Protein backbone atom coordinates (compact mmCIF):
# COMPACT_ATOMS: atom_id res chain seq x y z
CA MET A 1 29.80 -157.98 50.23
CA PRO A 2 32.79 -155.68 50.66
CA THR A 3 32.39 -152.04 49.40
CA GLU A 4 35.00 -150.12 47.45
CA ARG A 5 36.68 -147.47 49.57
CA THR A 6 37.95 -144.03 48.35
CA ILE A 7 41.16 -143.19 50.07
CA LEU A 8 42.46 -139.58 49.99
CA SER A 9 45.83 -138.29 50.85
CA ILE A 10 46.17 -135.48 53.37
CA SER A 11 47.02 -133.08 50.56
CA GLN A 12 43.95 -134.14 48.61
CA LEU A 13 41.77 -133.79 51.70
CA ASN A 14 43.04 -130.32 52.47
CA ASN A 15 42.65 -129.33 48.83
CA GLU A 16 39.03 -130.51 48.74
CA VAL A 17 38.25 -128.69 51.98
CA SER A 18 39.95 -125.54 50.67
CA GLN A 19 37.82 -125.60 47.53
CA LEU A 20 34.66 -126.16 49.53
CA LEU A 21 35.47 -123.24 51.82
CA THR A 22 36.35 -120.94 48.92
CA GLN A 23 33.24 -121.85 46.94
CA GLY A 24 30.90 -121.93 49.94
CA PHE A 25 31.70 -118.49 51.35
CA PRO A 26 31.65 -115.25 49.32
CA ALA A 27 33.75 -112.25 50.28
CA LEU A 28 32.48 -110.88 53.59
CA TRP A 29 33.22 -108.36 56.33
CA VAL A 30 34.45 -109.43 59.75
CA GLU A 31 35.05 -107.35 62.86
CA GLY A 32 37.54 -108.28 65.55
CA GLU A 33 40.60 -107.39 67.62
CA ILE A 34 44.15 -107.99 66.33
CA SER A 35 46.43 -110.29 68.35
CA ASN A 36 49.68 -112.16 67.67
CA PHE A 37 50.50 -109.63 64.98
CA THR A 38 53.54 -110.37 62.78
CA ARG A 39 54.89 -108.49 59.76
CA ALA A 40 57.06 -110.85 57.71
CA ALA A 41 60.17 -109.71 55.85
CA SER A 42 58.24 -110.38 52.65
CA GLY A 43 55.71 -107.69 53.60
CA HIS A 44 52.91 -110.17 54.33
CA LEU A 45 50.93 -109.71 57.54
CA TYR A 46 49.97 -112.58 59.84
CA PHE A 47 47.79 -112.24 62.93
CA SER A 48 44.67 -113.48 64.67
CA LEU A 49 41.30 -111.79 64.93
CA LYS A 50 39.45 -112.50 68.13
CA ASP A 51 36.35 -111.57 70.05
CA ALA A 52 35.31 -112.53 73.57
CA SER A 53 34.92 -116.24 72.81
CA ALA A 54 36.74 -117.20 69.59
CA GLN A 55 39.56 -116.36 67.24
CA VAL A 56 40.62 -117.05 63.65
CA ARG A 57 43.99 -116.98 61.93
CA CYS A 58 44.34 -114.26 59.28
CA ALA A 59 46.75 -113.46 56.50
CA MET A 60 47.06 -110.29 54.42
CA PHE A 61 49.49 -110.42 51.54
CA ARG A 62 51.84 -107.63 50.51
CA ASN A 63 49.92 -106.64 47.36
CA ARG A 64 47.01 -105.68 49.64
CA SER A 65 48.78 -104.49 52.79
CA ALA A 66 50.75 -101.87 50.80
CA TYR A 67 47.56 -99.77 50.49
CA LEU A 68 46.61 -99.81 54.16
CA LYS A 69 45.66 -96.48 55.74
CA ALA A 70 45.37 -97.99 59.20
CA ASN A 71 48.46 -99.04 61.14
CA PRO A 72 47.68 -102.60 62.27
CA ARG A 73 48.90 -103.52 65.75
CA ASN A 74 47.96 -105.76 68.63
CA GLY A 75 44.82 -104.65 70.43
CA LEU A 76 43.48 -102.61 67.48
CA LYS A 77 39.85 -103.28 66.65
CA VAL A 78 39.43 -103.50 62.87
CA LEU A 79 36.95 -104.22 60.11
CA VAL A 80 38.34 -106.59 57.49
CA ARG A 81 36.97 -107.81 54.19
CA GLY A 82 38.14 -111.08 52.72
CA LYS A 83 37.45 -114.77 51.96
CA VAL A 84 37.47 -117.94 54.01
CA GLY A 85 40.32 -120.31 53.12
CA LEU A 86 42.56 -123.13 54.31
CA TYR A 87 46.32 -123.17 54.68
CA GLU A 88 46.80 -126.59 53.13
CA PRO A 89 50.37 -127.41 54.32
CA ARG A 90 49.20 -127.39 57.92
CA GLY A 91 45.50 -127.88 57.42
CA GLU A 92 44.76 -124.65 59.25
CA PHE A 93 41.52 -122.71 58.74
CA GLN A 94 42.27 -119.02 57.99
CA PHE A 95 40.80 -115.78 56.70
CA ILE A 96 42.50 -114.16 53.70
CA ILE A 97 42.13 -110.37 54.09
CA GLU A 98 41.83 -108.03 51.09
CA GLN A 99 40.81 -104.79 52.84
CA MET A 100 41.24 -103.47 56.40
CA GLU A 101 39.82 -100.45 58.21
CA ASP A 102 40.01 -99.20 61.75
CA ALA A 103 36.65 -100.27 63.18
CA GLY A 104 35.98 -96.84 64.65
CA ILE A 105 37.07 -95.04 61.49
CA GLY A 106 35.07 -97.37 59.29
CA ALA A 107 31.85 -96.67 61.18
CA LEU A 108 32.47 -92.95 61.03
CA GLN A 109 33.25 -93.16 57.34
CA ARG A 110 29.96 -94.90 56.70
CA GLN A 111 28.14 -92.21 58.67
CA PHE A 112 30.01 -89.58 56.69
CA GLU A 113 29.00 -91.10 53.34
CA GLU A 114 25.37 -91.60 54.42
CA LEU A 115 25.05 -87.99 55.60
CA LYS A 116 26.81 -86.74 52.49
CA HIS A 117 24.34 -88.54 50.20
CA LYS A 118 21.40 -87.35 52.30
CA LEU A 119 22.38 -83.68 52.26
CA GLN A 120 23.31 -83.82 48.58
CA ALA A 121 19.84 -85.18 47.81
CA GLN A 122 18.36 -82.29 49.79
CA GLY A 123 20.28 -79.79 47.62
CA LEU A 124 22.58 -78.40 50.34
CA PHE A 125 25.64 -78.80 48.10
CA ALA A 126 24.04 -77.17 45.02
CA GLU A 127 25.97 -74.34 43.38
CA ALA A 128 22.78 -72.32 43.19
CA HIS A 129 22.96 -71.83 46.98
CA LYS A 130 26.58 -70.68 47.01
CA GLN A 131 27.04 -67.01 47.93
CA VAL A 132 29.67 -64.76 46.40
CA LEU A 133 32.52 -63.78 48.69
CA PRO A 134 32.94 -60.02 49.24
CA THR A 135 35.94 -58.54 47.46
CA PHE A 136 36.68 -56.03 50.22
CA PRO A 137 35.04 -57.20 53.47
CA ARG A 138 34.52 -54.57 56.15
CA CYS A 139 34.91 -57.16 58.93
CA ILE A 140 35.99 -60.82 58.92
CA GLY A 141 34.52 -63.30 61.40
CA VAL A 142 36.51 -66.39 62.47
CA ILE A 143 34.80 -69.34 64.18
CA THR A 144 37.50 -71.54 65.71
CA SER A 145 39.33 -72.46 68.88
CA PRO A 146 40.96 -69.39 70.45
CA THR A 147 44.03 -71.44 71.48
CA GLY A 148 44.66 -73.59 68.41
CA ALA A 149 47.20 -73.20 65.65
CA ALA A 150 44.44 -72.36 63.16
CA ILE A 151 43.65 -68.98 64.68
CA ARG A 152 47.33 -68.04 64.77
CA ASP A 153 47.79 -68.97 61.11
CA ILE A 154 44.67 -67.01 60.10
CA LEU A 155 45.65 -63.89 62.05
CA ASN A 156 49.18 -63.99 60.66
CA VAL A 157 47.89 -64.15 57.08
CA LEU A 158 45.34 -61.38 57.65
CA GLN A 159 47.91 -59.18 59.36
CA ARG A 160 50.26 -59.61 56.43
CA ARG A 161 47.68 -59.14 53.66
CA CYS A 162 45.18 -56.59 55.05
CA PRO A 163 45.94 -55.38 58.56
CA GLN A 164 43.35 -52.59 58.35
CA ILE A 165 40.36 -55.01 58.18
CA PRO A 166 39.02 -55.83 61.69
CA VAL A 167 38.75 -59.48 62.70
CA LEU A 168 36.07 -60.76 65.07
CA VAL A 169 36.79 -64.16 66.68
CA TYR A 170 33.92 -66.38 67.85
CA PRO A 171 35.66 -68.84 70.22
CA VAL A 172 34.30 -72.42 70.14
CA LEU A 173 35.36 -75.95 70.88
CA VAL A 174 36.37 -77.63 67.62
CA GLN A 175 36.19 -81.24 68.84
CA GLY A 176 34.68 -83.28 71.61
CA GLU A 177 31.43 -83.06 73.51
CA GLY A 178 29.50 -79.83 73.06
CA SER A 179 31.62 -78.65 70.13
CA LYS A 180 28.93 -78.98 67.47
CA GLU A 181 26.45 -77.00 69.58
CA GLN A 182 28.98 -74.21 70.10
CA ILE A 183 29.77 -74.06 66.38
CA VAL A 184 26.07 -73.79 65.48
CA GLN A 185 25.53 -71.15 68.16
CA ALA A 186 28.48 -69.10 66.89
CA ILE A 187 27.19 -69.19 63.28
CA ARG A 188 23.75 -68.06 64.37
CA GLN A 189 25.19 -65.35 66.62
CA ALA A 190 27.29 -63.96 63.76
CA GLU A 191 24.27 -63.93 61.47
CA ARG A 192 22.14 -62.27 64.13
CA GLU A 193 24.70 -59.54 64.86
CA GLN A 194 25.45 -58.82 61.17
CA ARG A 195 28.84 -57.34 62.08
CA CYS A 196 30.83 -59.45 59.62
CA ASP A 197 30.70 -59.63 55.83
CA VAL A 198 32.22 -63.12 55.69
CA LEU A 199 32.87 -66.01 58.10
CA ILE A 200 35.81 -68.43 58.28
CA LEU A 201 35.02 -71.79 59.89
CA ALA A 202 38.41 -73.31 60.72
CA ARG A 203 40.49 -75.78 62.68
CA GLY A 204 43.79 -77.58 62.19
CA GLY A 205 44.26 -81.11 60.90
CA GLY A 206 43.52 -84.31 62.76
CA SER A 207 41.94 -87.74 62.52
CA ILE A 208 38.41 -88.26 61.33
CA GLU A 209 37.32 -88.44 64.95
CA ASP A 210 38.98 -85.07 65.65
CA LEU A 211 37.23 -83.46 62.68
CA TRP A 212 33.87 -85.09 63.31
CA SER A 213 32.20 -81.96 64.72
CA PHE A 214 32.33 -80.54 61.17
CA ASN A 215 30.55 -83.64 59.85
CA GLU A 216 27.46 -83.14 62.01
CA GLU A 217 24.15 -82.49 60.25
CA MET A 218 23.19 -79.64 62.58
CA VAL A 219 26.41 -77.82 61.66
CA ALA A 220 25.74 -78.37 57.94
CA GLN A 221 22.18 -77.02 58.27
CA ALA A 222 23.43 -73.94 60.15
CA ILE A 223 26.00 -73.20 57.43
CA HIS A 224 23.37 -73.65 54.71
CA ALA A 225 20.90 -71.33 56.46
CA CYS A 226 23.51 -68.62 57.15
CA ARG A 227 23.01 -65.48 55.06
CA ILE A 228 26.66 -64.49 55.55
CA PRO A 229 29.10 -66.20 53.12
CA VAL A 230 31.00 -69.00 54.88
CA ILE A 231 34.46 -70.35 54.01
CA SER A 232 35.37 -73.78 55.34
CA GLY A 233 39.05 -74.11 56.24
CA VAL A 234 39.05 -77.37 58.21
CA GLY A 235 42.03 -79.72 58.43
CA HIS A 236 44.68 -80.24 55.78
CA GLU A 237 44.36 -80.39 52.01
CA ILE A 238 43.58 -84.12 52.02
CA ASP A 239 40.88 -83.78 54.68
CA PHE A 240 37.25 -83.36 53.58
CA THR A 241 34.29 -82.68 55.85
CA ILE A 242 30.59 -82.17 55.30
CA ALA A 243 31.15 -78.49 56.11
CA ASP A 244 33.44 -78.25 53.05
CA PHE A 245 30.60 -79.30 50.73
CA VAL A 246 27.95 -77.04 52.30
CA ALA A 247 30.10 -73.92 52.69
CA ASP A 248 30.12 -71.25 50.00
CA ARG A 249 33.86 -71.90 49.46
CA ARG A 250 36.28 -74.60 50.66
CA ALA A 251 39.87 -73.80 51.51
CA PRO A 252 42.42 -76.63 51.92
CA THR A 253 43.81 -75.07 55.13
CA PRO A 254 42.93 -72.28 57.57
CA SER A 255 45.73 -70.15 56.10
CA ALA A 256 44.31 -70.65 52.60
CA ALA A 257 40.88 -69.61 53.91
CA ALA A 258 42.38 -66.37 55.21
CA GLU A 259 43.97 -65.73 51.82
CA LEU A 260 40.67 -66.37 50.03
CA VAL A 261 38.78 -63.85 52.10
CA SER A 262 41.39 -61.08 52.34
CA PRO A 263 42.64 -58.81 49.59
CA ASP A 264 46.43 -58.60 49.34
CA MET A 265 47.02 -54.95 50.16
CA ALA A 266 50.60 -55.05 48.90
CA THR A 267 49.43 -56.33 45.52
CA LEU A 268 46.58 -53.83 45.50
CA GLN A 269 48.93 -51.00 46.39
CA THR A 270 51.29 -51.96 43.58
CA HIS A 271 48.37 -52.14 41.17
CA LEU A 272 47.08 -48.79 42.44
CA GLN A 273 50.47 -47.18 41.95
CA ARG A 274 50.60 -48.57 38.43
CA LEU A 275 47.12 -47.22 37.70
CA SER A 276 48.03 -43.86 39.25
CA ALA A 277 51.13 -43.57 37.08
CA GLN A 278 49.14 -44.54 34.01
CA LEU A 279 46.44 -42.00 34.90
CA SER A 280 49.07 -39.31 35.38
CA ARG A 281 50.61 -40.05 31.98
CA ASN A 282 47.22 -40.05 30.30
CA GLN A 283 46.32 -36.77 31.98
CA GLN A 284 49.58 -35.16 30.88
CA ARG A 285 49.03 -36.29 27.29
CA ARG A 286 45.47 -34.99 27.39
CA MET A 287 46.55 -31.63 28.83
CA GLN A 288 49.23 -31.35 26.14
CA ARG A 289 46.66 -32.06 23.40
CA LEU A 290 44.24 -29.51 24.88
CA ASP A 291 47.01 -26.91 25.15
CA GLU A 292 47.93 -27.45 21.51
CA HIS A 293 44.29 -27.17 20.50
CA LEU A 294 43.95 -23.93 22.49
CA GLN A 295 46.98 -22.44 20.79
CA ARG A 296 45.52 -23.30 17.37
CA LEU A 297 42.24 -21.64 18.32
CA GLN A 298 44.05 -18.53 19.55
CA GLN A 299 45.96 -18.33 16.27
CA ARG A 300 42.74 -18.65 14.26
CA LEU A 301 41.17 -15.95 16.42
CA THR A 302 44.11 -13.62 15.77
CA ASN A 303 43.96 -14.28 12.04
CA GLN A 304 40.28 -13.48 11.85
CA ARG A 305 40.68 -10.00 13.52
CA PRO A 306 37.76 -10.30 15.97
CA THR A 307 37.86 -6.57 16.92
CA ASN A 308 36.90 -5.45 13.41
CA ARG A 309 34.22 -8.09 13.16
CA LEU A 310 32.82 -7.07 16.53
CA GLN A 311 32.63 -3.40 15.43
CA GLN A 312 30.76 -4.44 12.28
CA LYS A 313 28.33 -6.49 14.36
CA VAL A 314 27.74 -3.50 16.67
CA GLN A 315 27.08 -1.20 13.67
CA ARG A 316 24.74 -3.76 12.17
CA LEU A 317 22.90 -3.99 15.51
CA ASP A 318 22.43 -0.19 15.61
CA GLU A 319 21.06 -0.21 12.06
CA LEU A 320 18.58 -2.94 12.90
CA ASP A 321 17.52 -1.08 16.02
CA MET A 322 16.70 2.10 14.07
CA ARG A 323 14.75 0.11 11.50
CA LEU A 324 12.81 -1.53 14.25
CA GLN A 325 11.95 1.83 15.83
CA ALA A 326 10.72 3.22 12.50
CA ALA A 327 8.61 0.15 11.87
CA LEU A 328 7.09 0.40 15.32
CA ASN A 329 6.19 4.09 14.77
CA ARG A 330 4.50 3.29 11.47
CA HIS A 331 2.59 0.47 13.03
CA LEU A 332 1.42 2.71 15.85
CA GLN A 333 0.21 5.38 13.40
CA VAL A 334 -1.78 2.81 11.42
CA GLN A 335 -3.35 1.46 14.60
CA GLN A 336 -4.21 5.00 15.80
CA THR A 337 -5.95 5.79 12.49
CA ARG A 338 -7.92 2.57 12.68
CA LEU A 339 -8.94 3.39 16.23
CA ASP A 340 -10.21 6.83 15.24
CA ASN A 341 -12.32 5.34 12.45
CA GLN A 342 -13.85 2.82 14.81
CA ARG A 343 -14.67 5.58 17.32
CA THR A 344 -16.44 7.63 14.60
CA ARG A 345 -18.51 4.65 13.47
CA LEU A 346 -19.44 3.88 17.06
CA GLN A 347 -20.65 7.44 17.67
CA ALA A 348 -22.73 7.28 14.47
CA GLN A 349 -24.37 4.09 15.63
CA THR A 350 -24.97 5.07 19.25
CA PRO A 351 -27.25 2.59 21.01
CA GLU A 352 -29.47 5.35 22.61
CA ARG A 353 -31.22 6.01 19.30
CA LYS A 354 -31.79 2.35 18.70
CA ILE A 355 -33.20 1.96 22.19
CA ARG A 356 -35.60 4.85 21.60
CA GLN A 357 -36.77 3.36 18.30
CA GLN A 358 -37.28 -0.05 19.94
CA ARG A 359 -39.32 1.55 22.74
CA GLU A 360 -41.63 3.30 20.21
CA GLN A 361 -42.10 0.01 18.35
CA LEU A 362 -42.87 -1.71 21.66
CA ALA A 363 -45.53 0.91 22.59
CA ARG A 364 -47.25 0.52 19.19
CA ALA A 365 -47.16 -3.25 19.55
CA GLN A 366 -48.71 -3.03 23.04
CA GLN A 367 -51.57 -0.80 21.75
CA TYR A 368 -52.25 -3.19 18.88
CA LEU A 369 -52.17 -6.17 21.20
CA SER A 370 -54.59 -4.54 23.68
CA LEU A 371 -57.04 -3.74 20.86
CA GLN A 372 -56.87 -7.28 19.54
CA VAL A 373 -57.48 -8.74 23.00
CA HIS A 374 -60.51 -6.45 23.59
CA GLN A 375 -62.07 -7.34 20.22
CA HIS A 376 -61.46 -11.07 20.85
CA LEU A 377 -63.09 -10.89 24.29
CA GLU A 378 -66.13 -9.00 22.88
CA LYS A 379 -66.65 -11.63 20.20
CA ALA A 380 -66.34 -14.43 22.77
CA ARG A 381 -68.86 -12.70 25.10
CA ASN A 382 -71.45 -12.37 22.30
CA ARG A 383 -70.92 -15.98 21.28
CA LEU A 384 -71.40 -17.12 24.90
CA GLN A 385 -74.64 -15.16 25.31
CA MET A 386 -76.07 -16.66 22.14
CA GLN A 387 -75.11 -20.21 23.17
CA ALA A 388 -76.60 -19.65 26.67
CA GLY A 389 -79.92 -18.58 25.09
CA GLN A 390 -79.92 -21.67 22.94
CA LEU A 391 -79.15 -23.84 25.92
CA HIS A 392 -81.98 -22.27 27.94
CA ALA A 393 -84.37 -22.86 25.13
CA PHE A 394 -83.63 -26.55 25.16
CA SER A 395 -83.38 -26.86 28.96
CA PRO A 396 -86.00 -29.04 30.76
CA LEU A 397 -86.44 -26.19 33.22
CA ALA A 398 -87.72 -23.96 30.45
CA THR A 399 -90.20 -26.67 29.53
CA LEU A 400 -91.36 -26.82 33.15
CA GLU A 401 -91.95 -23.03 33.06
CA ARG A 402 -94.45 -23.62 30.29
CA GLY A 403 -96.57 -25.90 32.55
CA TYR A 404 -95.04 -29.27 31.90
CA SER A 405 -93.77 -31.70 34.59
CA ILE A 406 -91.31 -34.58 34.87
CA VAL A 407 -92.47 -37.93 36.30
CA ARG A 408 -89.99 -40.38 37.92
CA HIS A 409 -90.27 -43.68 39.74
CA ALA A 410 -90.17 -42.93 43.44
CA ASP A 411 -87.91 -45.83 44.28
CA ASN A 412 -85.12 -45.47 41.64
CA HIS A 413 -85.78 -41.96 40.24
CA GLN A 414 -85.81 -43.20 36.64
CA LEU A 415 -87.95 -41.23 34.15
CA VAL A 416 -91.39 -42.60 33.40
CA ARG A 417 -91.54 -42.58 29.62
CA SER A 418 -94.43 -45.04 29.21
CA ILE A 419 -97.39 -46.41 31.15
CA ALA A 420 -96.11 -49.90 30.63
CA PRO A 421 -94.04 -50.23 33.82
CA LEU A 422 -96.65 -48.44 35.99
CA ARG A 423 -98.89 -50.34 38.44
CA LEU A 424 -101.93 -49.23 40.37
CA GLY A 425 -101.04 -47.99 43.80
CA GLN A 426 -97.44 -47.30 42.77
CA THR A 427 -95.84 -44.10 44.08
CA VAL A 428 -94.34 -41.73 41.51
CA ALA A 429 -92.44 -38.42 42.00
CA VAL A 430 -93.56 -35.42 40.00
CA GLN A 431 -91.18 -32.46 39.47
CA LEU A 432 -92.58 -28.99 38.61
CA GLN A 433 -90.86 -25.65 38.01
CA ASP A 434 -90.80 -24.64 41.63
CA GLY A 435 -90.73 -28.01 43.45
CA ARG A 436 -91.75 -31.67 43.49
CA PHE A 437 -94.37 -33.92 45.04
CA GLU A 438 -95.30 -37.63 45.14
CA SER A 439 -98.60 -39.16 43.96
CA ILE A 440 -100.16 -42.63 43.89
CA VAL A 441 -101.30 -44.14 40.60
CA THR A 442 -105.02 -44.71 40.88
CA ARG A 443 -105.85 -45.15 37.19
CA ILE A 444 -103.89 -46.13 34.12
CA GLU A 445 -105.32 -45.25 30.71
CA ALA A 446 -103.65 -45.87 27.39
CA VAL A 447 -103.91 -43.25 24.56
CA ASP A 448 -104.06 -44.20 20.91
CA PRO A 449 -101.28 -42.34 19.18
CA SER A 450 -103.22 -42.17 15.92
């Protein structure tokens, strides 16, 4: 059974393929080398992009190519952004370019943006870290190439504006291998020496590759850590480097950096002359006012006849002096009279008589005390003798003198008060007036107390 066939024209085929390519591929970046470059009279660009093993036809229309920063040419390696398409009249596969960058510049630009975002996140661009530039620096340091145009421009500006301020040049490479290390070393040396009040970091304009030493992170960190204010004057006004963002001030050119850091002595001199003239006028007006005031005071002094008033004051002073002398004399007389009275009273109440009276009273008191002590001792002696007689009368020794004895157990010396504890053959101790002896109980006989 025959099948129905769909037959397309070449135009339809190319149109379908074009739609598939456009819908199947989003906008993308491609890197390659330009060859077969052609700029049409219409302003459109046509060329091929190739690598070591393949190539693709490219087109860039005038509405896009008008904004190119790069100058496309054969042999240039570029980064392009665009969409895959098909040139339908000839059925040719092509790449429609919307954006083009020099491949080297594009990579550096990406590095620049990445480092910029990184350092900004770390706070190196913050205004809080920016130092104030000195108004009148004692010495200006310049970190740049000693042979470039930048140093000549800076010295010319400084010579014109403030020739009396010394300039210290720290010579460094401003591009190429080893340049970033020299720049960092110069910044640290200037900070270590502390000879300059401000530093200018400068070089002339150039491509992004030429200015890349000022986009290095180690240079940015050195500027941020520097305790001396740093002005970045790198490139032209349209050029921006990482150093511009980290520095305390950015100048669009090296000459502008020199103007920022240096006072204009001509302007200052004009201003000083204006201030001096104003001060002179003010001083003259003030002196005139003071002179007028002095003249008024002199006139008032003349009107008030100061000589007569002074004579009256002198006469009044003499009068007060005489009154003071009289008052002092009266006061001295009163004090002398009071002193005489006190001397008389003191003589009447001389302490010798009182001492004599006190001694007589003391002698009488001693006699009375001695008598009282003697009588008290006599009474105590009699009372002691009487109590000793009473004690002797009741003493066991007195009883023994009358023929009695004291009987004790021989083993524990306790008194024998009854025959109850005694046993035949027991030894007892008998105490008499003049001694003691031991005896053995041979007989025990009870006595009826009735």
